[in-house]
Amino acid sequence: MNFRWLMMLGMLAGLLGGCSGGKAETMNSPQNADDYPHVGMTLAEFRAIFPAVKPDSYGQWPRNAELHGLAGGWTYTFQDGRLQWFLFDVYERTVDAAYFDRCLQATRRLMEDYRARYGEPADVEEGTTRFRDPGQDHHWGYPVLKASWITAAEKIRVSFQFKGSHGDYYFLVKVEHHDRNDPLA
């Protein structure tokens, strides 16, 4: 199964999530750097951090989580016994100014969490950071905010997009961790 198909499966699962509910979690909660998952860690190291997480029928290791008020889920993918990539995503189908602002603020807080952990981002792209009601101001979606970090082992991206196509609109907030050498990341 290729990477893009796996990403679509995550999106479909995320449609049941959103910007409310779930278990509270912050990026800064672990006291030990070893308590954070990272690309390249072994399955045994991962299971020591998350002993209750089990693989799904697709071979991925999902877990529900809430980050800064956004209820979504983490998905972890292993190859040859090592963590290949992982992401957190939220697909919010309530499209209004209040949810837009909630997703924007959560994205900014996630960026601050990552800035505190990894330093200044390698790249920040600020798109349209105001809500454009597609019922009054037709559009096909737009990038809102994105920040990227590159570490010795990983490419990391935090992003918020307003997605839209053929009258179907939603907000997408993602945190992605990929191998630094992954050409698709």
N, C-alpha and C. Protein backbone atom coordinates (compact mmCIF):
# COMPACT_ATOMS: atom_id res chain seq x y z
N MET A 1 0.86 -1.17 0.00
CA MET A 1 0.00 0.00 0.00
C MET A 1 0.91 1.23 0.00
N ASN A 2 0.69 2.17 -0.92
CA ASN A 2 1.59 3.31 -0.99
C ASN A 2 1.22 4.40 0.02
N PHE A 3 2.16 5.32 0.20
CA PHE A 3 2.05 6.38 1.20
C PHE A 3 0.81 7.24 1.00
N ARG A 4 0.55 7.64 -0.23
CA ARG A 4 -0.59 8.53 -0.48
C ARG A 4 -1.92 7.85 -0.13
N TRP A 5 -2.06 6.55 -0.40
CA TRP A 5 -3.27 5.83 -0.03
C TRP A 5 -3.40 5.79 1.48
N LEU A 6 -2.29 5.57 2.19
CA LEU A 6 -2.33 5.55 3.65
C LEU A 6 -2.75 6.91 4.19
N MET A 7 -2.32 7.97 3.56
CA MET A 7 -2.72 9.31 3.99
C MET A 7 -4.23 9.50 3.81
N MET A 8 -4.78 8.97 2.72
CA MET A 8 -6.21 9.09 2.49
C MET A 8 -6.99 8.32 3.55
N LEU A 9 -6.47 7.16 3.96
CA LEU A 9 -7.14 6.40 5.01
C LEU A 9 -7.19 7.21 6.29
N GLY A 10 -6.09 7.90 6.60
CA GLY A 10 -6.08 8.75 7.78
C GLY A 10 -7.11 9.85 7.67
N MET A 11 -7.26 10.42 6.47
CA MET A 11 -8.24 11.48 6.28
C MET A 11 -9.66 10.96 6.52
N LEU A 12 -9.96 9.78 5.98
CA LEU A 12 -11.29 9.23 6.16
C LEU A 12 -11.57 8.96 7.63
N ALA A 13 -10.60 8.43 8.33
CA ALA A 13 -10.78 8.20 9.76
C ALA A 13 -10.97 9.52 10.49
N GLY A 14 -10.26 10.54 10.05
CA GLY A 14 -10.33 11.84 10.71
C GLY A 14 -11.65 12.55 10.52
N LEU A 15 -12.41 12.16 9.51
CA LEU A 15 -13.70 12.81 9.29
C LEU A 15 -14.63 12.62 10.48
N LEU A 16 -14.38 11.60 11.26
CA LEU A 16 -15.19 11.37 12.45
C LEU A 16 -14.71 12.19 13.62
N GLY A 17 -13.53 12.81 13.50
CA GLY A 17 -12.95 13.59 14.60
C GLY A 17 -13.45 15.02 14.56
N GLY A 18 -12.55 15.97 14.80
CA GLY A 18 -12.93 17.36 14.72
C GLY A 18 -12.26 18.19 15.76
N CYS A 19 -12.77 19.36 16.00
CA CYS A 19 -12.16 20.31 16.91
C CYS A 19 -12.80 20.26 18.29
N SER A 20 -13.29 19.12 18.70
CA SER A 20 -13.85 19.01 20.04
C SER A 20 -13.79 17.56 20.50
N GLY A 21 -13.77 17.35 21.78
CA GLY A 21 -13.74 16.02 22.35
C GLY A 21 -12.34 15.44 22.37
N GLY A 22 -12.19 14.21 22.87
CA GLY A 22 -10.91 13.54 22.91
C GLY A 22 -10.19 13.77 24.22
N LYS A 23 -9.01 13.21 24.32
CA LYS A 23 -8.22 13.29 25.54
C LYS A 23 -7.20 14.42 25.41
N ALA A 24 -7.10 15.26 26.42
CA ALA A 24 -6.18 16.39 26.38
C ALA A 24 -4.74 15.90 26.39
N GLU A 25 -3.91 16.56 25.63
CA GLU A 25 -2.50 16.22 25.53
C GLU A 25 -1.76 17.47 25.05
N THR A 26 -0.58 17.69 25.53
CA THR A 26 0.22 18.79 25.03
C THR A 26 1.55 18.25 24.55
N MET A 27 2.21 19.00 23.72
CA MET A 27 3.52 18.57 23.22
C MET A 27 4.56 18.59 24.33
N ASN A 28 4.41 19.44 25.31
CA ASN A 28 5.44 19.62 26.32
C ASN A 28 5.28 18.75 27.56
N SER A 29 4.32 17.83 27.59
CA SER A 29 4.07 17.09 28.81
C SER A 29 5.17 16.13 29.24
N PRO A 30 5.82 15.35 28.35
CA PRO A 30 6.86 14.45 28.83
C PRO A 30 8.06 15.22 29.38
N GLN A 31 8.63 14.71 30.46
CA GLN A 31 9.79 15.36 31.07
C GLN A 31 11.10 14.85 30.48
N ASN A 32 11.08 13.70 29.84
CA ASN A 32 12.27 13.08 29.32
C ASN A 32 12.19 13.06 27.80
N ALA A 33 13.26 13.44 27.13
CA ALA A 33 13.26 13.48 25.67
C ALA A 33 12.98 12.09 25.08
N ASP A 34 13.29 11.04 25.82
CA ASP A 34 13.03 9.69 25.33
C ASP A 34 11.54 9.37 25.32
N ASP A 35 10.71 10.19 25.96
CA ASP A 35 9.28 9.96 26.00
C ASP A 35 8.56 10.45 24.73
N TYR A 36 9.27 11.06 23.80
CA TYR A 36 8.68 11.53 22.55
C TYR A 36 8.96 10.51 21.46
N PRO A 37 7.97 10.19 20.66
CA PRO A 37 8.27 9.34 19.51
C PRO A 37 9.12 10.12 18.51
N HIS A 38 9.92 9.41 17.75
CA HIS A 38 10.72 10.04 16.71
C HIS A 38 10.96 9.05 15.59
N VAL A 39 11.06 9.57 14.38
CA VAL A 39 11.32 8.72 13.22
C VAL A 39 12.61 7.96 13.47
N GLY A 40 12.57 6.67 13.18
CA GLY A 40 13.74 5.81 13.35
C GLY A 40 13.73 5.00 14.64
N MET A 41 12.85 5.35 15.59
CA MET A 41 12.81 4.58 16.84
C MET A 41 12.29 3.18 16.55
N THR A 42 12.68 2.24 17.39
CA THR A 42 12.24 0.86 17.21
C THR A 42 10.81 0.70 17.71
N LEU A 43 10.19 -0.37 17.27
CA LEU A 43 8.84 -0.68 17.74
C LEU A 43 8.85 -0.90 19.25
N ALA A 44 9.90 -1.53 19.79
CA ALA A 44 9.99 -1.74 21.24
C ALA A 44 10.06 -0.41 21.98
N GLU A 45 10.80 0.56 21.47
CA GLU A 45 10.86 1.89 22.10
C GLU A 45 9.50 2.57 22.06
N PHE A 46 8.81 2.45 20.93
CA PHE A 46 7.49 3.03 20.78
C PHE A 46 6.51 2.40 21.78
N ARG A 47 6.54 1.08 21.88
CA ARG A 47 5.62 0.39 22.79
C ARG A 47 5.90 0.71 24.24
N ALA A 48 7.14 1.07 24.57
CA ALA A 48 7.45 1.48 25.94
C ALA A 48 6.76 2.81 26.27
N ILE A 49 6.60 3.68 25.27
CA ILE A 49 5.93 4.96 25.46
C ILE A 49 4.41 4.79 25.42
N PHE A 50 3.93 4.00 24.48
CA PHE A 50 2.49 3.82 24.25
C PHE A 50 2.12 2.33 24.31
N PRO A 51 2.14 1.72 25.49
CA PRO A 51 1.89 0.28 25.57
C PRO A 51 0.47 -0.13 25.17
N ALA A 52 -0.50 0.76 25.25
CA ALA A 52 -1.88 0.41 24.93
C ALA A 52 -2.20 0.53 23.44
N VAL A 53 -1.33 1.16 22.65
CA VAL A 53 -1.61 1.36 21.23
C VAL A 53 -1.34 0.05 20.48
N LYS A 54 -2.30 -0.33 19.66
CA LYS A 54 -2.23 -1.58 18.89
C LYS A 54 -2.35 -1.27 17.40
N PRO A 55 -1.78 -2.13 16.55
CA PRO A 55 -1.90 -1.88 15.11
C PRO A 55 -3.33 -2.13 14.62
N ASP A 56 -3.71 -1.38 13.59
CA ASP A 56 -5.02 -1.58 12.98
C ASP A 56 -4.89 -2.57 11.82
N SER A 57 -5.97 -2.78 11.09
CA SER A 57 -5.97 -3.75 9.99
C SER A 57 -5.10 -3.32 8.81
N TYR A 58 -4.67 -2.06 8.80
CA TYR A 58 -3.80 -1.56 7.74
C TYR A 58 -2.33 -1.61 8.13
N GLY A 59 -2.05 -2.07 9.35
CA GLY A 59 -0.67 -2.15 9.82
C GLY A 59 -0.16 -0.86 10.42
N GLN A 60 -1.03 0.12 10.58
CA GLN A 60 -0.65 1.38 11.22
C GLN A 60 -1.04 1.32 12.69
N TRP A 61 -0.47 2.20 13.48
CA TRP A 61 -0.70 2.23 14.92
C TRP A 61 -1.39 3.55 15.25
N PRO A 62 -2.74 3.57 15.27
CA PRO A 62 -3.47 4.82 15.54
C PRO A 62 -3.76 5.01 17.02
N ARG A 63 -3.87 6.27 17.42
CA ARG A 63 -4.35 6.58 18.77
C ARG A 63 -5.04 7.93 18.72
N ASN A 64 -6.17 8.03 19.39
CA ASN A 64 -6.91 9.28 19.49
C ASN A 64 -6.17 10.22 20.43
N ALA A 65 -6.25 11.49 20.14
CA ALA A 65 -5.59 12.49 20.98
C ALA A 65 -6.25 13.84 20.77
N GLU A 66 -6.01 14.73 21.71
CA GLU A 66 -6.46 16.11 21.59
C GLU A 66 -5.26 17.00 21.83
N LEU A 67 -4.99 17.88 20.89
CA LEU A 67 -3.89 18.84 21.02
C LEU A 67 -4.47 20.24 20.98
N HIS A 68 -4.30 20.97 22.05
CA HIS A 68 -4.76 22.36 22.13
C HIS A 68 -6.21 22.52 21.69
N GLY A 69 -7.05 21.61 22.17
CA GLY A 69 -8.48 21.70 21.90
C GLY A 69 -8.93 21.07 20.59
N LEU A 70 -8.01 20.52 19.81
CA LEU A 70 -8.38 19.87 18.55
C LEU A 70 -8.37 18.36 18.74
N ALA A 71 -9.52 17.75 18.59
CA ALA A 71 -9.63 16.29 18.73
C ALA A 71 -9.33 15.64 17.39
N GLY A 72 -8.33 14.81 17.39
CA GLY A 72 -7.94 14.12 16.16
C GLY A 72 -7.26 12.82 16.53
N GLY A 73 -6.27 12.48 15.77
CA GLY A 73 -5.56 11.24 16.05
C GLY A 73 -4.16 11.24 15.50
N TRP A 74 -3.32 10.50 16.18
CA TRP A 74 -1.96 10.23 15.71
C TRP A 74 -1.99 8.91 14.95
N THR A 75 -1.25 8.82 13.88
CA THR A 75 -1.08 7.59 13.11
C THR A 75 0.42 7.37 12.97
N TYR A 76 0.87 6.17 13.34
CA TYR A 76 2.29 5.81 13.30
C TYR A 76 2.46 4.66 12.31
N THR A 77 3.48 4.75 11.46
CA THR A 77 3.75 3.72 10.47
C THR A 77 5.18 3.22 10.62
N PHE A 78 5.30 1.90 10.73
CA PHE A 78 6.60 1.26 10.89
C PHE A 78 6.98 0.50 9.63
N GLN A 79 8.28 0.47 9.37
CA GLN A 79 8.81 -0.34 8.28
C GLN A 79 10.09 -0.99 8.80
N ASP A 80 10.19 -2.29 8.62
CA ASP A 80 11.35 -3.05 9.08
C ASP A 80 11.63 -2.81 10.57
N GLY A 81 10.56 -2.70 11.37
CA GLY A 81 10.69 -2.58 12.81
C GLY A 81 11.06 -1.20 13.33
N ARG A 82 11.07 -0.20 12.44
CA ARG A 82 11.41 1.17 12.84
C ARG A 82 10.31 2.13 12.41
N LEU A 83 10.11 3.18 13.20
CA LEU A 83 9.08 4.17 12.89
C LEU A 83 9.51 4.94 11.64
N GLN A 84 8.70 4.81 10.58
CA GLN A 84 9.01 5.44 9.30
C GLN A 84 8.47 6.86 9.21
N TRP A 85 7.22 7.06 9.66
CA TRP A 85 6.61 8.39 9.69
C TRP A 85 5.43 8.35 10.64
N PHE A 86 5.02 9.53 11.10
CA PHE A 86 3.82 9.63 11.91
C PHE A 86 3.23 11.01 11.77
N LEU A 87 1.92 11.09 12.04
CA LEU A 87 1.24 12.38 11.92
C LEU A 87 0.05 12.45 12.85
N PHE A 88 -0.31 13.68 13.17
CA PHE A 88 -1.54 14.00 13.87
C PHE A 88 -2.38 14.79 12.89
N ASP A 89 -3.66 14.47 12.77
CA ASP A 89 -4.50 15.27 11.89
C ASP A 89 -5.91 15.41 12.44
N VAL A 90 -6.52 16.53 12.05
CA VAL A 90 -7.89 16.88 12.42
C VAL A 90 -8.58 17.36 11.15
N TYR A 91 -9.75 16.78 10.87
CA TYR A 91 -10.59 17.21 9.77
C TYR A 91 -11.86 17.77 10.39
N GLU A 92 -12.00 19.07 10.38
CA GLU A 92 -13.16 19.71 11.01
C GLU A 92 -14.14 20.13 9.92
N ARG A 93 -15.34 19.57 10.00
CA ARG A 93 -16.37 19.85 9.00
C ARG A 93 -17.30 20.99 9.38
N THR A 94 -17.21 21.48 10.62
CA THR A 94 -18.00 22.66 10.99
C THR A 94 -17.23 23.87 10.49
N VAL A 95 -17.69 24.42 9.39
CA VAL A 95 -16.98 25.51 8.72
C VAL A 95 -17.65 26.83 9.06
N ASP A 96 -17.08 27.51 10.06
CA ASP A 96 -17.53 28.84 10.42
C ASP A 96 -16.36 29.60 11.04
N ALA A 97 -16.55 30.87 11.29
CA ALA A 97 -15.46 31.72 11.78
C ALA A 97 -14.94 31.25 13.14
N ALA A 98 -15.83 30.80 14.02
CA ALA A 98 -15.40 30.36 15.35
C ALA A 98 -14.48 29.14 15.26
N TYR A 99 -14.84 28.15 14.46
CA TYR A 99 -13.99 26.97 14.32
C TYR A 99 -12.69 27.31 13.57
N PHE A 100 -12.78 28.20 12.60
CA PHE A 100 -11.57 28.64 11.92
C PHE A 100 -10.59 29.23 12.93
N ASP A 101 -11.07 30.15 13.76
CA ASP A 101 -10.21 30.79 14.76
C ASP A 101 -9.67 29.77 15.75
N ARG A 102 -10.50 28.82 16.14
CA ARG A 102 -10.05 27.78 17.07
C ARG A 102 -8.92 26.95 16.46
N CYS A 103 -9.08 26.55 15.20
CA CYS A 103 -8.03 25.79 14.51
C CYS A 103 -6.77 26.63 14.30
N LEU A 104 -6.93 27.91 13.99
CA LEU A 104 -5.78 28.79 13.80
C LEU A 104 -5.01 28.96 15.11
N GLN A 105 -5.72 29.20 16.20
CA GLN A 105 -5.04 29.37 17.49
C GLN A 105 -4.33 28.08 17.92
N ALA A 106 -4.98 26.94 17.71
CA ALA A 106 -4.34 25.66 18.04
C ALA A 106 -3.08 25.45 17.20
N THR A 107 -3.14 25.80 15.93
CA THR A 107 -1.97 25.66 15.06
C THR A 107 -0.83 26.56 15.55
N ARG A 108 -1.14 27.77 15.93
CA ARG A 108 -0.11 28.67 16.46
C ARG A 108 0.50 28.12 17.75
N ARG A 109 -0.34 27.54 18.60
CA ARG A 109 0.18 26.96 19.85
C ARG A 109 1.05 25.74 19.56
N LEU A 110 0.66 24.93 18.58
CA LEU A 110 1.49 23.79 18.18
C LEU A 110 2.84 24.27 17.65
N MET A 111 2.82 25.35 16.86
CA MET A 111 4.07 25.91 16.35
C MET A 111 4.96 26.36 17.51
N GLU A 112 4.37 26.95 18.53
CA GLU A 112 5.16 27.36 19.70
C GLU A 112 5.73 26.14 20.44
N ASP A 113 4.93 25.08 20.56
CA ASP A 113 5.43 23.84 21.17
C ASP A 113 6.65 23.32 20.41
N TYR A 114 6.55 23.28 19.10
CA TYR A 114 7.66 22.77 18.29
C TYR A 114 8.84 23.73 18.31
N ARG A 115 8.58 25.01 18.33
CA ARG A 115 9.66 26.00 18.43
C ARG A 115 10.42 25.81 19.73
N ALA A 116 9.71 25.57 20.83
CA ALA A 116 10.36 25.35 22.13
C ALA A 116 11.20 24.08 22.11
N ARG A 117 10.76 23.08 21.38
CA ARG A 117 11.47 21.80 21.35
C ARG A 117 12.60 21.76 20.32
N TYR A 118 12.39 22.36 19.14
CA TYR A 118 13.34 22.22 18.03
C TYR A 118 13.99 23.54 17.59
N GLY A 119 13.63 24.65 18.20
CA GLY A 119 14.19 25.93 17.80
C GLY A 119 13.36 26.58 16.70
N GLU A 120 13.92 27.60 16.12
CA GLU A 120 13.20 28.33 15.06
C GLU A 120 12.96 27.43 13.85
N PRO A 121 11.79 27.55 13.24
CA PRO A 121 11.51 26.73 12.07
C PRO A 121 12.41 27.11 10.89
N ALA A 122 12.66 26.14 10.02
CA ALA A 122 13.43 26.39 8.80
C ALA A 122 12.62 27.23 7.82
N ASP A 123 11.28 27.12 7.92
CA ASP A 123 10.42 27.83 6.98
C ASP A 123 9.06 28.08 7.64
N VAL A 124 8.52 29.29 7.43
CA VAL A 124 7.17 29.62 7.88
C VAL A 124 6.46 30.26 6.69
N GLU A 125 5.26 29.77 6.40
CA GLU A 125 4.45 30.34 5.34
C GLU A 125 3.10 30.74 5.93
N GLU A 126 2.81 32.01 5.88
CA GLU A 126 1.51 32.49 6.35
C GLU A 126 0.67 32.83 5.14
N GLY A 127 -0.45 32.14 5.03
CA GLY A 127 -1.38 32.40 3.93
C GLY A 127 -2.46 33.35 4.41
N THR A 128 -3.69 33.04 4.06
CA THR A 128 -4.83 33.85 4.48
C THR A 128 -5.24 33.41 5.87
N THR A 129 -5.06 34.28 6.85
CA THR A 129 -5.34 33.92 8.24
C THR A 129 -6.68 34.49 8.73
N ARG A 130 -7.56 34.76 7.79
CA ARG A 130 -8.91 35.19 8.17
C ARG A 130 -9.89 34.24 7.50
N PHE A 131 -11.03 34.07 8.14
CA PHE A 131 -12.07 33.18 7.62
C PHE A 131 -12.75 33.82 6.42
N ARG A 132 -12.81 33.09 5.34
CA ARG A 132 -13.55 33.50 4.15
C ARG A 132 -14.72 32.53 4.00
N ASP A 133 -15.90 33.01 4.26
CA ASP A 133 -17.10 32.17 4.20
C ASP A 133 -17.35 31.78 2.74
N PRO A 134 -17.25 30.48 2.41
CA PRO A 134 -17.42 30.08 1.02
C PRO A 134 -18.83 30.31 0.49
N GLY A 135 -19.80 30.47 1.37
CA GLY A 135 -21.16 30.78 0.93
C GLY A 135 -21.31 32.21 0.45
N GLN A 136 -20.41 33.11 0.92
CA GLN A 136 -20.46 34.52 0.53
C GLN A 136 -19.28 34.93 -0.33
N ASP A 137 -18.16 34.23 -0.19
CA ASP A 137 -16.93 34.56 -0.91
C ASP A 137 -16.38 33.24 -1.48
N HIS A 138 -16.91 32.84 -2.64
CA HIS A 138 -16.56 31.52 -3.20
C HIS A 138 -15.04 31.36 -3.36
N HIS A 139 -14.56 30.22 -2.95
CA HIS A 139 -13.15 29.87 -3.13
C HIS A 139 -13.01 28.36 -3.13
N TRP A 140 -11.83 27.88 -3.48
CA TRP A 140 -11.53 26.45 -3.54
C TRP A 140 -10.67 26.03 -2.36
N GLY A 141 -10.69 26.80 -1.29
CA GLY A 141 -9.82 26.52 -0.15
C GLY A 141 -8.54 27.32 -0.28
N TYR A 142 -7.76 27.33 0.81
CA TYR A 142 -6.52 28.09 0.78
C TYR A 142 -5.61 27.68 1.94
N PRO A 143 -4.30 27.87 1.74
CA PRO A 143 -3.37 27.61 2.85
C PRO A 143 -3.51 28.73 3.88
N VAL A 144 -3.48 28.35 5.15
CA VAL A 144 -3.62 29.33 6.22
C VAL A 144 -2.26 29.57 6.88
N LEU A 145 -1.63 28.52 7.38
CA LEU A 145 -0.38 28.68 8.12
C LEU A 145 0.39 27.37 8.07
N LYS A 146 1.73 27.48 7.89
CA LYS A 146 2.57 26.29 7.86
C LYS A 146 3.96 26.65 8.38
N ALA A 147 4.53 25.74 9.17
CA ALA A 147 5.91 25.88 9.64
C ALA A 147 6.59 24.53 9.50
N SER A 148 7.87 24.57 9.14
CA SER A 148 8.64 23.34 8.93
C SER A 148 9.95 23.40 9.69
N TRP A 149 10.34 22.26 10.23
CA TRP A 149 11.62 22.11 10.91
C TRP A 149 12.36 20.95 10.24
N ILE A 150 13.68 21.04 10.23
CA ILE A 150 14.52 19.94 9.75
C ILE A 150 15.53 19.65 10.84
N THR A 151 15.49 18.42 11.34
CA THR A 151 16.43 17.99 12.38
C THR A 151 17.42 17.02 11.74
N ALA A 152 18.30 16.48 12.52
CA ALA A 152 19.27 15.51 12.01
C ALA A 152 18.58 14.28 11.43
N ALA A 153 17.41 13.93 11.95
CA ALA A 153 16.73 12.71 11.52
C ALA A 153 15.39 12.96 10.83
N GLU A 154 14.75 14.12 11.06
CA GLU A 154 13.37 14.30 10.63
C GLU A 154 13.12 15.60 9.87
N LYS A 155 12.06 15.53 9.06
CA LYS A 155 11.40 16.72 8.53
C LYS A 155 10.08 16.79 9.27
N ILE A 156 9.78 17.94 9.85
CA ILE A 156 8.57 18.10 10.65
C ILE A 156 7.79 19.28 10.09
N ARG A 157 6.47 19.11 9.99
CA ARG A 157 5.64 20.19 9.47
C ARG A 157 4.38 20.31 10.32
N VAL A 158 4.02 21.53 10.67
CA VAL A 158 2.76 21.86 11.33
C VAL A 158 2.00 22.74 10.35
N SER A 159 0.75 22.39 10.04
CA SER A 159 0.03 23.17 9.03
C SER A 159 -1.46 23.24 9.31
N PHE A 160 -2.07 24.29 8.77
CA PHE A 160 -3.52 24.49 8.82
C PHE A 160 -3.94 24.93 7.43
N GLN A 161 -4.91 24.20 6.85
CA GLN A 161 -5.43 24.53 5.54
C GLN A 161 -6.95 24.56 5.60
N PHE A 162 -7.52 25.47 4.83
CA PHE A 162 -8.96 25.51 4.59
C PHE A 162 -9.13 24.79 3.26
N LYS A 163 -9.72 23.61 3.28
CA LYS A 163 -9.84 22.80 2.08
C LYS A 163 -11.24 22.94 1.51
N GLY A 164 -11.33 22.90 0.18
CA GLY A 164 -12.63 23.00 -0.44
C GLY A 164 -12.62 22.54 -1.88
N SER A 165 -13.74 21.94 -2.27
CA SER A 165 -13.89 21.49 -3.65
C SER A 165 -15.36 21.15 -3.89
N HIS A 166 -15.94 21.70 -4.90
CA HIS A 166 -17.30 21.38 -5.32
C HIS A 166 -18.31 21.48 -4.18
N GLY A 167 -18.22 22.52 -3.39
CA GLY A 167 -19.17 22.76 -2.31
C GLY A 167 -18.89 22.00 -1.03
N ASP A 168 -17.84 21.22 -0.98
CA ASP A 168 -17.47 20.45 0.21
C ASP A 168 -16.25 21.13 0.85
N TYR A 169 -16.44 21.65 2.07
CA TYR A 169 -15.38 22.41 2.74
C TYR A 169 -15.09 21.84 4.11
N TYR A 170 -13.84 21.93 4.54
CA TYR A 170 -13.44 21.51 5.88
C TYR A 170 -12.09 22.15 6.22
N PHE A 171 -11.78 22.13 7.49
CA PHE A 171 -10.48 22.62 7.97
C PHE A 171 -9.61 21.40 8.24
N LEU A 172 -8.35 21.51 7.87
CA LEU A 172 -7.38 20.42 8.08
C LEU A 172 -6.18 20.97 8.84
N VAL A 173 -5.95 20.43 10.03
CA VAL A 173 -4.77 20.76 10.83
C VAL A 173 -3.94 19.50 10.91
N LYS A 174 -2.63 19.61 10.60
CA LYS A 174 -1.77 18.43 10.62
C LYS A 174 -0.43 18.75 11.28
N VAL A 175 0.11 17.71 11.92
CA VAL A 175 1.49 17.70 12.40
C VAL A 175 2.09 16.46 11.78
N GLU A 176 3.15 16.62 10.99
CA GLU A 176 3.75 15.50 10.27
C GLU A 176 5.22 15.36 10.65
N HIS A 177 5.64 14.12 10.84
CA HIS A 177 7.04 13.78 11.07
C HIS A 177 7.44 12.75 10.01
N HIS A 178 8.46 13.07 9.21
CA HIS A 178 8.95 12.17 8.17
C HIS A 178 10.45 12.02 8.31
N ASP A 179 10.96 10.95 7.72
CA ASP A 179 12.41 10.79 7.66
C ASP A 179 12.99 11.96 6.88
N ARG A 180 14.11 12.46 7.36
CA ARG A 180 14.75 13.61 6.71
C ARG A 180 15.04 13.37 5.24
N ASN A 181 15.29 12.12 4.88
CA ASN A 181 15.66 11.78 3.50
C ASN A 181 14.48 11.32 2.66
N ASP A 182 13.27 11.41 3.17
CA ASP A 182 12.08 11.00 2.42
C ASP A 182 11.79 12.01 1.32
N PRO A 183 11.89 11.60 0.07
CA PRO A 183 11.67 12.56 -1.02
C PRO A 183 10.22 13.03 -1.13
N LEU A 184 9.27 12.31 -0.54
CA LEU A 184 7.86 12.70 -0.60
C LEU A 184 7.46 13.66 0.49
N ALA A 185 8.33 13.85 1.49
CA ALA A 185 7.98 14.70 2.63
C ALA A 185 8.27 16.16 2.35
